[in-house]
Amino acid sequence: MGTAERRVAPGDGVTAPEREQGREIGSDPGVPSGAALRQSDPVGGQGERSGAEGRPYYRPLWIEEPARKRRLPDPVRTAAVRAVLITAVTLIQAMVAFLCTMAGSWLAFPMVLSSVTSTVVATWGVLDVWVTRQVWNQRNGVVSVPSSTARALRRERRRARRQERSAARSQERIRRRQARAGQLSHS
């Protein structure tokens, strides 16, 4: 439950505005406009306002909104975080190599070598994100192409489950018939 959906603010028992009331006040959903606040608030939009029962309510600090984009899958997110960290270390190494070269330090040559190596590793990390994303999409059926491998796999799994269920039903029918036939012959 989001902050805007709560009726009682935690701790002080003061009533918070309902989601619909926030939409009536301002043009942006859930965010009251300054003019509307000045009209209803004698303090000019700052401080407390009184609710319908005369009790003061406080504007929530934020209003939770649904995410616009779906969250990345876990393997893709892990690869992306890894790539960002490797790229950050590579940039730091390149900067240190440059500064050591400018200062004429003995550390310049080893730093240049390590930053070249880090550049290769960072390139691998970025490609890893792309490959991981493609593999995840292929396996989980996000790609909506008729030739998608994931769609064919799902179709095969459904077909196998249907066959298992029908085989189980036919076995159950056979068992029931045998049980009935056995009861009739013994009576």
N, C-alpha and C. Protein backbone atom coordinates (compact mmCIF):
# COMPACT_ATOMS: atom_id res chain seq x y z
N MET A 1 0.85 -1.17 0.00
CA MET A 1 0.00 0.00 0.00
C MET A 1 0.90 1.23 0.00
N GLY A 2 0.66 2.12 -0.93
CA GLY A 2 1.48 3.31 -1.06
C GLY A 2 1.09 4.37 -0.06
N THR A 3 1.91 5.42 0.02
CA THR A 3 1.68 6.51 0.95
C THR A 3 0.37 7.22 0.65
N ALA A 4 0.06 7.42 -0.63
CA ALA A 4 -1.15 8.15 -1.00
C ALA A 4 -2.40 7.35 -0.70
N GLU A 5 -2.29 6.04 -0.55
CA GLU A 5 -3.47 5.22 -0.33
C GLU A 5 -3.79 5.07 1.16
N ARG A 6 -2.89 5.43 2.03
CA ARG A 6 -3.15 5.31 3.45
C ARG A 6 -4.13 6.38 3.90
N ARG A 7 -4.98 6.02 4.85
CA ARG A 7 -5.90 7.02 5.39
C ARG A 7 -5.36 7.61 6.68
N VAL A 8 -4.55 6.88 7.39
CA VAL A 8 -3.98 7.37 8.63
C VAL A 8 -2.48 7.39 8.49
N ALA A 9 -1.89 8.56 8.73
CA ALA A 9 -0.43 8.66 8.66
C ALA A 9 0.16 7.96 9.86
N PRO A 10 1.27 7.24 9.70
CA PRO A 10 1.83 6.50 10.82
C PRO A 10 2.34 7.43 11.92
N GLY A 11 2.00 7.09 13.14
CA GLY A 11 2.57 7.80 14.27
C GLY A 11 1.70 8.89 14.85
N ASP A 12 1.06 9.75 14.04
CA ASP A 12 0.36 10.89 14.61
C ASP A 12 -1.16 10.79 14.53
N GLY A 13 -1.70 9.81 13.79
CA GLY A 13 -3.14 9.62 13.73
C GLY A 13 -3.87 10.70 12.96
N VAL A 14 -3.15 11.51 12.18
CA VAL A 14 -3.77 12.58 11.42
C VAL A 14 -4.20 12.01 10.07
N THR A 15 -5.38 12.36 9.62
CA THR A 15 -5.91 11.82 8.37
C THR A 15 -5.17 12.40 7.18
N ALA A 16 -4.75 11.54 6.25
CA ALA A 16 -4.10 11.99 5.02
C ALA A 16 -5.15 12.06 3.92
N PRO A 17 -4.93 12.88 2.90
CA PRO A 17 -5.93 13.01 1.84
C PRO A 17 -6.03 11.72 1.04
N GLU A 18 -7.24 11.42 0.57
CA GLU A 18 -7.42 10.25 -0.27
C GLU A 18 -6.91 10.57 -1.66
N ARG A 19 -6.68 9.53 -2.44
CA ARG A 19 -6.11 9.70 -3.77
C ARG A 19 -7.00 10.59 -4.65
N GLU A 20 -8.32 10.42 -4.58
CA GLU A 20 -9.22 11.19 -5.43
C GLU A 20 -9.19 12.68 -5.08
N GLN A 21 -9.08 13.00 -3.79
CA GLN A 21 -9.06 14.40 -3.39
C GLN A 21 -7.83 15.10 -3.95
N GLY A 22 -6.69 14.43 -3.99
CA GLY A 22 -5.48 15.02 -4.54
C GLY A 22 -5.63 15.31 -6.03
N ARG A 23 -6.39 14.48 -6.73
CA ARG A 23 -6.58 14.69 -8.16
C ARG A 23 -7.52 15.86 -8.43
N GLU A 24 -8.45 16.08 -7.52
CA GLU A 24 -9.38 17.19 -7.73
C GLU A 24 -8.68 18.53 -7.56
N ILE A 25 -7.71 18.61 -6.66
CA ILE A 25 -7.10 19.89 -6.34
C ILE A 25 -6.21 20.38 -7.47
N GLY A 26 -5.30 19.54 -7.97
CA GLY A 26 -4.34 19.99 -8.97
C GLY A 26 -4.55 19.33 -10.31
N SER A 27 -3.82 19.83 -11.30
CA SER A 27 -3.95 19.25 -12.64
C SER A 27 -3.10 17.99 -12.75
N ASP A 28 -1.98 17.93 -12.06
CA ASP A 28 -1.13 16.74 -12.08
C ASP A 28 -1.69 15.74 -11.08
N PRO A 29 -1.81 14.45 -11.44
CA PRO A 29 -2.43 13.49 -10.54
C PRO A 29 -1.69 13.39 -9.21
N GLY A 30 -2.41 13.63 -8.14
CA GLY A 30 -1.85 13.47 -6.82
C GLY A 30 -1.00 14.62 -6.32
N VAL A 31 -0.75 15.65 -7.14
CA VAL A 31 0.08 16.77 -6.72
C VAL A 31 -0.76 18.03 -6.76
N PRO A 32 -1.07 18.62 -5.59
CA PRO A 32 -1.89 19.83 -5.59
C PRO A 32 -1.13 21.01 -6.18
N SER A 33 -1.85 21.86 -6.93
CA SER A 33 -1.19 23.02 -7.53
C SER A 33 -1.09 24.14 -6.50
N GLY A 34 -0.19 25.06 -6.75
CA GLY A 34 0.04 26.16 -5.82
C GLY A 34 -1.17 27.06 -5.68
N ALA A 35 -1.88 27.33 -6.79
CA ALA A 35 -3.06 28.20 -6.74
C ALA A 35 -4.16 27.56 -5.91
N ALA A 36 -4.37 26.27 -6.06
CA ALA A 36 -5.41 25.59 -5.30
C ALA A 36 -5.06 25.58 -3.82
N LEU A 37 -3.78 25.47 -3.51
CA LEU A 37 -3.36 25.50 -2.11
C LEU A 37 -3.59 26.88 -1.51
N ARG A 38 -3.27 27.91 -2.29
CA ARG A 38 -3.44 29.28 -1.76
C ARG A 38 -4.91 29.60 -1.52
N GLN A 39 -5.80 29.08 -2.38
CA GLN A 39 -7.22 29.35 -2.19
C GLN A 39 -7.76 28.68 -0.95
N SER A 40 -7.34 27.44 -0.69
CA SER A 40 -7.92 26.71 0.43
C SER A 40 -7.12 26.88 1.71
N ASP A 41 -5.93 27.44 1.65
CA ASP A 41 -5.07 27.55 2.82
C ASP A 41 -4.80 29.02 3.11
N PRO A 42 -5.19 29.49 4.28
CA PRO A 42 -4.97 30.90 4.60
C PRO A 42 -3.50 31.26 4.72
N VAL A 43 -2.63 30.28 4.91
CA VAL A 43 -1.21 30.57 5.09
C VAL A 43 -0.54 30.75 3.73
N GLY A 44 -1.24 30.47 2.63
CA GLY A 44 -0.66 30.66 1.31
C GLY A 44 0.05 29.43 0.79
N GLY A 45 -0.45 28.27 1.10
CA GLY A 45 0.14 27.05 0.55
C GLY A 45 1.22 26.46 1.42
N GLN A 46 1.47 27.04 2.58
CA GLN A 46 2.50 26.49 3.45
C GLN A 46 1.86 26.16 4.78
N GLY A 47 2.34 25.10 5.39
CA GLY A 47 1.83 24.73 6.70
C GLY A 47 0.68 23.75 6.62
N GLU A 48 -0.17 23.79 7.64
CA GLU A 48 -1.26 22.83 7.75
C GLU A 48 -2.49 23.34 7.02
N ARG A 49 -3.33 22.39 6.59
CA ARG A 49 -4.66 22.71 6.08
C ARG A 49 -5.64 21.90 6.88
N SER A 50 -6.88 22.31 6.91
CA SER A 50 -7.89 21.57 7.65
C SER A 50 -8.67 20.68 6.70
N GLY A 51 -8.98 19.48 7.16
CA GLY A 51 -9.77 18.53 6.37
C GLY A 51 -11.24 18.80 6.56
N ALA A 52 -12.09 17.89 6.11
CA ALA A 52 -13.53 18.05 6.19
C ALA A 52 -14.00 18.04 7.64
N GLU A 53 -13.34 17.28 8.52
CA GLU A 53 -13.74 17.20 9.92
C GLU A 53 -13.11 18.29 10.78
N GLY A 54 -12.36 19.20 10.16
CA GLY A 54 -11.72 20.26 10.93
C GLY A 54 -10.36 19.86 11.47
N ARG A 55 -9.99 18.60 11.28
CA ARG A 55 -8.67 18.16 11.74
C ARG A 55 -7.64 18.50 10.68
N PRO A 56 -6.44 18.89 11.07
CA PRO A 56 -5.42 19.21 10.05
C PRO A 56 -4.88 17.93 9.41
N TYR A 57 -4.51 18.02 8.16
CA TYR A 57 -3.83 16.91 7.52
C TYR A 57 -2.58 17.45 6.85
N TYR A 58 -1.66 16.59 6.64
CA TYR A 58 -0.37 16.97 6.07
C TYR A 58 -0.22 16.32 4.71
N ARG A 59 0.32 17.07 3.78
CA ARG A 59 0.59 16.52 2.46
C ARG A 59 1.65 15.44 2.56
N PRO A 60 1.49 14.32 1.88
CA PRO A 60 2.54 13.31 1.92
C PRO A 60 3.80 13.84 1.24
N LEU A 61 4.94 13.36 1.69
CA LEU A 61 6.20 13.82 1.11
C LEU A 61 6.33 13.39 -0.34
N TRP A 62 5.84 12.21 -0.67
CA TRP A 62 5.87 11.74 -2.05
C TRP A 62 4.64 10.87 -2.31
N ILE A 63 4.34 10.72 -3.55
CA ILE A 63 3.23 9.87 -3.95
C ILE A 63 3.80 8.78 -4.84
N GLU A 64 3.56 7.54 -4.45
CA GLU A 64 4.12 6.43 -5.22
C GLU A 64 3.36 6.26 -6.52
N GLU A 65 4.11 6.13 -7.59
CA GLU A 65 3.52 5.91 -8.90
C GLU A 65 4.03 4.59 -9.43
N PRO A 66 3.23 3.91 -10.25
CA PRO A 66 3.72 2.65 -10.82
C PRO A 66 4.89 2.92 -11.76
N ALA A 67 5.81 1.96 -11.83
CA ALA A 67 6.98 2.11 -12.68
C ALA A 67 6.55 2.13 -14.15
N ARG A 68 7.20 2.97 -14.93
CA ARG A 68 6.87 3.07 -16.35
C ARG A 68 7.44 1.89 -17.13
N LYS A 69 8.62 1.45 -16.74
CA LYS A 69 9.25 0.32 -17.41
C LYS A 69 9.27 -0.88 -16.49
N ARG A 70 9.25 -2.08 -17.08
CA ARG A 70 9.35 -3.26 -16.26
C ARG A 70 10.80 -3.42 -15.79
N ARG A 71 10.96 -4.06 -14.66
CA ARG A 71 12.27 -4.28 -14.09
C ARG A 71 13.05 -5.29 -14.95
N LEU A 72 14.36 -5.07 -15.05
CA LEU A 72 15.19 -6.01 -15.81
C LEU A 72 15.21 -7.36 -15.12
N PRO A 73 15.30 -8.44 -15.88
CA PRO A 73 15.43 -9.76 -15.25
C PRO A 73 16.72 -9.84 -14.44
N ASP A 74 16.72 -10.69 -13.41
CA ASP A 74 17.86 -10.77 -12.50
C ASP A 74 19.20 -11.04 -13.20
N PRO A 75 19.30 -12.02 -14.11
CA PRO A 75 20.61 -12.25 -14.73
C PRO A 75 21.09 -11.06 -15.55
N VAL A 76 20.16 -10.38 -16.22
CA VAL A 76 20.54 -9.22 -17.03
C VAL A 76 20.98 -8.07 -16.12
N ARG A 77 20.25 -7.87 -15.02
CA ARG A 77 20.62 -6.81 -14.09
C ARG A 77 21.99 -7.07 -13.47
N THR A 78 22.25 -8.34 -13.12
CA THR A 78 23.56 -8.70 -12.56
C THR A 78 24.68 -8.40 -13.55
N ALA A 79 24.46 -8.78 -14.80
CA ALA A 79 25.48 -8.52 -15.83
C ALA A 79 25.67 -7.02 -16.04
N ALA A 80 24.58 -6.26 -15.98
CA ALA A 80 24.67 -4.81 -16.18
C ALA A 80 25.44 -4.15 -15.04
N VAL A 81 25.17 -4.58 -13.82
CA VAL A 81 25.90 -4.01 -12.66
C VAL A 81 27.38 -4.34 -12.78
N ARG A 82 27.69 -5.58 -13.15
CA ARG A 82 29.08 -6.00 -13.32
C ARG A 82 29.76 -5.15 -14.39
N ALA A 83 29.08 -4.91 -15.51
CA ALA A 83 29.66 -4.12 -16.59
C ALA A 83 29.90 -2.68 -16.17
N VAL A 84 28.97 -2.12 -15.40
CA VAL A 84 29.14 -0.73 -14.94
C VAL A 84 30.34 -0.62 -14.01
N LEU A 85 30.47 -1.58 -13.09
CA LEU A 85 31.61 -1.55 -12.16
C LEU A 85 32.94 -1.70 -12.90
N ILE A 86 33.00 -2.64 -13.85
CA ILE A 86 34.23 -2.84 -14.60
C ILE A 86 34.58 -1.60 -15.42
N THR A 87 33.56 -0.98 -16.03
CA THR A 87 33.79 0.23 -16.82
C THR A 87 34.27 1.37 -15.94
N ALA A 88 33.71 1.49 -14.74
CA ALA A 88 34.14 2.56 -13.82
C ALA A 88 35.60 2.36 -13.42
N VAL A 89 35.98 1.12 -13.10
CA VAL A 89 37.37 0.84 -12.73
C VAL A 89 38.30 1.14 -13.91
N THR A 90 37.86 0.80 -15.12
CA THR A 90 38.66 1.05 -16.32
C THR A 90 38.89 2.55 -16.52
N LEU A 91 37.84 3.33 -16.33
CA LEU A 91 37.99 4.79 -16.48
C LEU A 91 38.93 5.37 -15.44
N ILE A 92 38.83 4.86 -14.22
CA ILE A 92 39.74 5.34 -13.16
C ILE A 92 41.18 4.97 -13.49
N GLN A 93 41.38 3.74 -13.97
CA GLN A 93 42.74 3.32 -14.34
C GLN A 93 43.29 4.17 -15.48
N ALA A 94 42.45 4.46 -16.46
CA ALA A 94 42.91 5.29 -17.58
C ALA A 94 43.29 6.69 -17.10
N MET A 95 42.50 7.23 -16.18
CA MET A 95 42.82 8.56 -15.66
C MET A 95 44.13 8.55 -14.87
N VAL A 96 44.30 7.53 -14.05
CA VAL A 96 45.54 7.43 -13.27
C VAL A 96 46.73 7.24 -14.20
N ALA A 97 46.57 6.44 -15.26
CA ALA A 97 47.66 6.23 -16.23
C ALA A 97 48.03 7.55 -16.90
N PHE A 98 46.99 8.33 -17.26
CA PHE A 98 47.26 9.62 -17.90
C PHE A 98 47.99 10.56 -16.94
N LEU A 99 47.52 10.63 -15.69
CA LEU A 99 48.16 11.53 -14.73
C LEU A 99 49.59 11.08 -14.41
N CYS A 100 49.82 9.76 -14.32
CA CYS A 100 51.17 9.26 -14.08
C CYS A 100 52.10 9.57 -15.25
N THR A 101 51.55 9.50 -16.46
CA THR A 101 52.35 9.82 -17.65
C THR A 101 52.72 11.30 -17.65
N MET A 102 51.76 12.14 -17.29
CA MET A 102 52.03 13.58 -17.26
C MET A 102 53.05 13.94 -16.17
N ALA A 103 53.00 13.21 -15.07
CA ALA A 103 53.92 13.49 -13.97
C ALA A 103 55.29 12.84 -14.19
N GLY A 104 55.41 11.96 -15.16
CA GLY A 104 56.67 11.28 -15.41
C GLY A 104 56.97 10.22 -14.37
N SER A 105 55.95 9.63 -13.79
CA SER A 105 56.14 8.63 -12.74
C SER A 105 56.51 7.28 -13.35
N TRP A 106 57.21 6.45 -12.55
CA TRP A 106 57.56 5.10 -12.99
C TRP A 106 56.32 4.22 -13.11
N LEU A 107 55.20 4.62 -12.47
CA LEU A 107 53.97 3.84 -12.45
C LEU A 107 53.18 3.98 -13.76
N ALA A 108 53.61 4.89 -14.63
CA ALA A 108 52.85 5.16 -15.85
C ALA A 108 52.75 3.92 -16.75
N PHE A 109 53.87 3.24 -17.00
CA PHE A 109 53.86 2.10 -17.92
C PHE A 109 52.97 0.96 -17.42
N PRO A 110 53.12 0.53 -16.14
CA PRO A 110 52.21 -0.52 -15.66
C PRO A 110 50.73 -0.11 -15.69
N MET A 111 50.46 1.15 -15.43
CA MET A 111 49.07 1.61 -15.45
C MET A 111 48.51 1.62 -16.86
N VAL A 112 49.32 1.97 -17.84
CA VAL A 112 48.86 1.94 -19.23
C VAL A 112 48.55 0.51 -19.64
N LEU A 113 49.44 -0.43 -19.28
CA LEU A 113 49.19 -1.84 -19.60
C LEU A 113 47.91 -2.35 -18.93
N SER A 114 47.74 -2.01 -17.66
CA SER A 114 46.55 -2.49 -16.96
C SER A 114 45.28 -1.84 -17.50
N SER A 115 45.35 -0.58 -17.94
CA SER A 115 44.15 0.04 -18.48
C SER A 115 43.80 -0.52 -19.86
N VAL A 116 44.80 -0.94 -20.63
CA VAL A 116 44.51 -1.61 -21.91
C VAL A 116 43.81 -2.94 -21.64
N THR A 117 44.33 -3.68 -20.65
CA THR A 117 43.70 -4.95 -20.27
C THR A 117 42.27 -4.71 -19.76
N SER A 118 42.10 -3.70 -18.95
CA SER A 118 40.78 -3.38 -18.41
C SER A 118 39.81 -2.97 -19.50
N THR A 119 40.30 -2.32 -20.54
CA THR A 119 39.43 -1.94 -21.65
C THR A 119 38.89 -3.18 -22.36
N VAL A 120 39.75 -4.18 -22.53
CA VAL A 120 39.31 -5.44 -23.13
C VAL A 120 38.25 -6.10 -22.25
N VAL A 121 38.49 -6.12 -20.94
CA VAL A 121 37.55 -6.74 -20.00
C VAL A 121 36.24 -5.96 -19.97
N ALA A 122 36.30 -4.63 -20.01
CA ALA A 122 35.08 -3.81 -20.00
C ALA A 122 34.26 -4.05 -21.27
N THR A 123 34.94 -4.20 -22.40
CA THR A 123 34.23 -4.51 -23.64
C THR A 123 33.52 -5.85 -23.52
N TRP A 124 34.20 -6.82 -22.94
CA TRP A 124 33.59 -8.14 -22.71
C TRP A 124 32.37 -7.99 -21.79
N GLY A 125 32.48 -7.16 -20.75
CA GLY A 125 31.37 -6.98 -19.81
C GLY A 125 30.15 -6.39 -20.48
N VAL A 126 30.34 -5.41 -21.36
CA VAL A 126 29.20 -4.80 -22.06
C VAL A 126 28.59 -5.80 -23.03
N LEU A 127 29.42 -6.58 -23.72
CA LEU A 127 28.89 -7.61 -24.61
C LEU A 127 28.16 -8.68 -23.82
N ASP A 128 28.62 -8.96 -22.61
CA ASP A 128 27.97 -9.95 -21.75
C ASP A 128 26.56 -9.52 -21.41
N VAL A 129 26.35 -8.23 -21.17
CA VAL A 129 25.00 -7.73 -20.88
C VAL A 129 24.10 -7.98 -22.09
N TRP A 130 24.58 -7.67 -23.27
CA TRP A 130 23.79 -7.84 -24.48
C TRP A 130 23.45 -9.31 -24.71
N VAL A 131 24.46 -10.19 -24.58
CA VAL A 131 24.24 -11.62 -24.80
C VAL A 131 23.29 -12.19 -23.75
N THR A 132 23.47 -11.81 -22.49
CA THR A 132 22.60 -12.30 -21.42
C THR A 132 21.15 -11.88 -21.67
N ARG A 133 20.97 -10.66 -22.12
CA ARG A 133 19.62 -10.17 -22.41
C ARG A 133 18.99 -10.96 -23.56
N GLN A 134 19.77 -11.20 -24.60
CA GLN A 134 19.25 -11.96 -25.74
C GLN A 134 18.88 -13.39 -25.33
N VAL A 135 19.74 -14.01 -24.54
CA VAL A 135 19.48 -15.39 -24.10
C VAL A 135 18.24 -15.43 -23.23
N TRP A 136 18.11 -14.47 -22.32
CA TRP A 136 16.94 -14.45 -21.43
C TRP A 136 15.67 -14.27 -22.25
N ASN A 137 15.69 -13.34 -23.21
CA ASN A 137 14.52 -13.12 -24.06
C ASN A 137 14.17 -14.39 -24.84
N GLN A 138 15.17 -15.08 -25.33
CA GLN A 138 14.92 -16.29 -26.11
C GLN A 138 14.32 -17.39 -25.26
N ARG A 139 14.84 -17.55 -24.05
CA ARG A 139 14.37 -18.63 -23.18
C ARG A 139 13.01 -18.35 -22.57
N ASN A 140 12.71 -17.11 -22.30
CA ASN A 140 11.48 -16.79 -21.57
C ASN A 140 10.38 -16.22 -22.45
N GLY A 141 10.59 -16.18 -23.73
CA GLY A 141 9.52 -15.85 -24.65
C GLY A 141 9.11 -14.41 -24.72
N VAL A 142 10.02 -13.49 -24.44
CA VAL A 142 9.67 -12.08 -24.54
C VAL A 142 9.62 -11.66 -26.01
N VAL A 143 10.47 -12.25 -26.83
CA VAL A 143 10.49 -11.91 -28.24
C VAL A 143 9.22 -12.46 -28.88
N SER A 144 8.42 -11.60 -29.49
CA SER A 144 7.15 -12.05 -30.04
C SER A 144 7.26 -12.28 -31.54
N VAL A 145 8.20 -13.10 -31.91
CA VAL A 145 8.39 -13.47 -33.30
C VAL A 145 7.84 -14.88 -33.46
N PRO A 146 7.14 -15.18 -34.54
CA PRO A 146 6.55 -16.52 -34.68
C PRO A 146 7.58 -17.64 -34.59
N SER A 147 8.82 -17.38 -34.95
CA SER A 147 9.83 -18.44 -34.91
C SER A 147 10.58 -18.47 -33.58
N SER A 148 10.03 -17.82 -32.58
CA SER A 148 10.72 -17.76 -31.29
C SER A 148 10.88 -19.15 -30.69
N THR A 149 12.09 -19.44 -30.22
CA THR A 149 12.38 -20.75 -29.63
C THR A 149 11.54 -20.96 -28.37
N ALA A 150 11.38 -19.92 -27.59
CA ALA A 150 10.64 -20.05 -26.33
C ALA A 150 9.18 -20.43 -26.59
N ARG A 151 8.59 -19.86 -27.62
CA ARG A 151 7.20 -20.17 -27.92
C ARG A 151 7.05 -21.64 -28.29
N ALA A 152 7.98 -22.16 -29.12
CA ALA A 152 7.93 -23.57 -29.51
C ALA A 152 8.12 -24.47 -28.29
N LEU A 153 9.03 -24.08 -27.38
CA LEU A 153 9.24 -24.88 -26.16
C LEU A 153 7.99 -24.90 -25.30
N ARG A 154 7.32 -23.77 -25.16
CA ARG A 154 6.08 -23.73 -24.38
C ARG A 154 5.02 -24.61 -25.01
N ARG A 155 4.92 -24.56 -26.34
CA ARG A 155 3.94 -25.38 -27.05
C ARG A 155 4.20 -26.86 -26.79
N GLU A 156 5.49 -27.26 -26.85
CA GLU A 156 5.83 -28.66 -26.60
C GLU A 156 5.50 -29.06 -25.17
N ARG A 157 5.80 -28.20 -24.21
CA ARG A 157 5.49 -28.51 -22.81
C ARG A 157 3.99 -28.66 -22.60
N ARG A 158 3.18 -27.77 -23.20
CA ARG A 158 1.73 -27.87 -23.07
C ARG A 158 1.23 -29.18 -23.67
N ARG A 159 1.75 -29.54 -24.84
CA ARG A 159 1.34 -30.78 -25.49
C ARG A 159 1.68 -31.98 -24.60
N ALA A 160 2.88 -31.98 -24.01
CA ALA A 160 3.29 -33.10 -23.14
C ALA A 160 2.38 -33.18 -21.91
N ARG A 161 2.03 -32.02 -21.31
CA ARG A 161 1.15 -32.02 -20.15
C ARG A 161 -0.24 -32.55 -20.50
N ARG A 162 -0.75 -32.14 -21.68
CA ARG A 162 -2.06 -32.65 -22.11
C ARG A 162 -2.04 -34.16 -22.27
N GLN A 163 -0.96 -34.66 -22.87
CA GLN A 163 -0.85 -36.11 -23.06
C GLN A 163 -0.77 -36.83 -21.73
N GLU A 164 -0.03 -36.28 -20.78
CA GLU A 164 0.07 -36.90 -19.45
C GLU A 164 -1.30 -36.93 -18.77
N ARG A 165 -2.04 -35.82 -18.85
CA ARG A 165 -3.36 -35.78 -18.22
C ARG A 165 -4.32 -36.78 -18.86
N SER A 166 -4.30 -36.84 -20.20
CA SER A 166 -5.21 -37.78 -20.85
C SER A 166 -4.83 -39.23 -20.54
N ALA A 167 -3.52 -39.51 -20.45
CA ALA A 167 -3.09 -40.86 -20.09
C ALA A 167 -3.53 -41.20 -18.66
N ALA A 168 -3.43 -40.24 -17.75
CA ALA A 168 -3.84 -40.46 -16.36
C ALA A 168 -5.35 -40.69 -16.29
N ARG A 169 -6.12 -39.92 -17.06
CA ARG A 169 -7.58 -40.11 -17.06
C ARG A 169 -7.96 -41.48 -17.61
N SER A 170 -7.31 -41.90 -18.69
CA SER A 170 -7.65 -43.22 -19.26
C SER A 170 -7.26 -44.35 -18.30
N GLN A 171 -6.14 -44.21 -17.61
CA GLN A 171 -5.75 -45.21 -16.61
C GLN A 171 -6.78 -45.27 -15.47
N GLU A 172 -7.27 -44.11 -15.06
CA GLU A 172 -8.28 -44.05 -13.99
C GLU A 172 -9.57 -44.72 -14.45
N ARG A 173 -9.98 -44.49 -15.71
CA ARG A 173 -11.17 -45.13 -16.25
C ARG A 173 -11.01 -46.65 -16.26
N ILE A 174 -9.84 -47.10 -16.69
CA ILE A 174 -9.59 -48.55 -16.73
C ILE A 174 -9.67 -49.14 -15.33
N ARG A 175 -9.08 -48.46 -14.35
CA ARG A 175 -9.11 -48.94 -12.96
C ARG A 175 -10.54 -49.02 -12.44
N ARG A 176 -11.35 -47.98 -12.76
CA ARG A 176 -12.74 -47.99 -12.29
C ARG A 176 -13.53 -49.13 -12.93
N ARG A 177 -13.31 -49.34 -14.21
CA ARG A 177 -14.02 -50.45 -14.90
C ARG A 177 -13.64 -51.79 -14.28
N GLN A 178 -12.35 -51.96 -14.03
CA GLN A 178 -11.90 -53.22 -13.44
C GLN A 178 -12.48 -53.40 -12.04
N ALA A 179 -12.54 -52.31 -11.29
CA ALA A 179 -13.09 -52.39 -9.95
C ALA A 179 -14.57 -52.75 -10.00
N ARG A 180 -15.33 -52.14 -10.92
CA ARG A 180 -16.76 -52.46 -11.06
C ARG A 180 -16.95 -53.91 -11.51
N ALA A 181 -16.13 -54.30 -12.47
CA ALA A 181 -16.26 -55.67 -12.98
C ALA A 181 -15.92 -56.68 -11.88
N GLY A 182 -14.95 -56.36 -11.07
CA GLY A 182 -14.58 -57.24 -9.95
C GLY A 182 -15.66 -57.30 -8.92
N GLN A 183 -16.35 -56.20 -8.64
CA GLN A 183 -17.43 -56.19 -7.65
C GLN A 183 -18.63 -56.98 -8.15
N LEU A 184 -18.94 -56.87 -9.44
CA LEU A 184 -20.10 -57.57 -9.97
C LEU A 184 -19.87 -59.10 -9.99
N SER A 185 -18.67 -59.51 -10.28
CA SER A 185 -18.41 -60.96 -10.37
C SER A 185 -18.38 -61.61 -9.00
N HIS A 186 -18.08 -60.84 -7.96
CA HIS A 186 -18.02 -61.43 -6.62
C HIS A 186 -19.38 -61.43 -5.93
N SER A 187 -20.35 -60.70 -6.44
CA SER A 187 -21.63 -60.65 -5.74
C SER A 187 -22.60 -61.69 -6.16
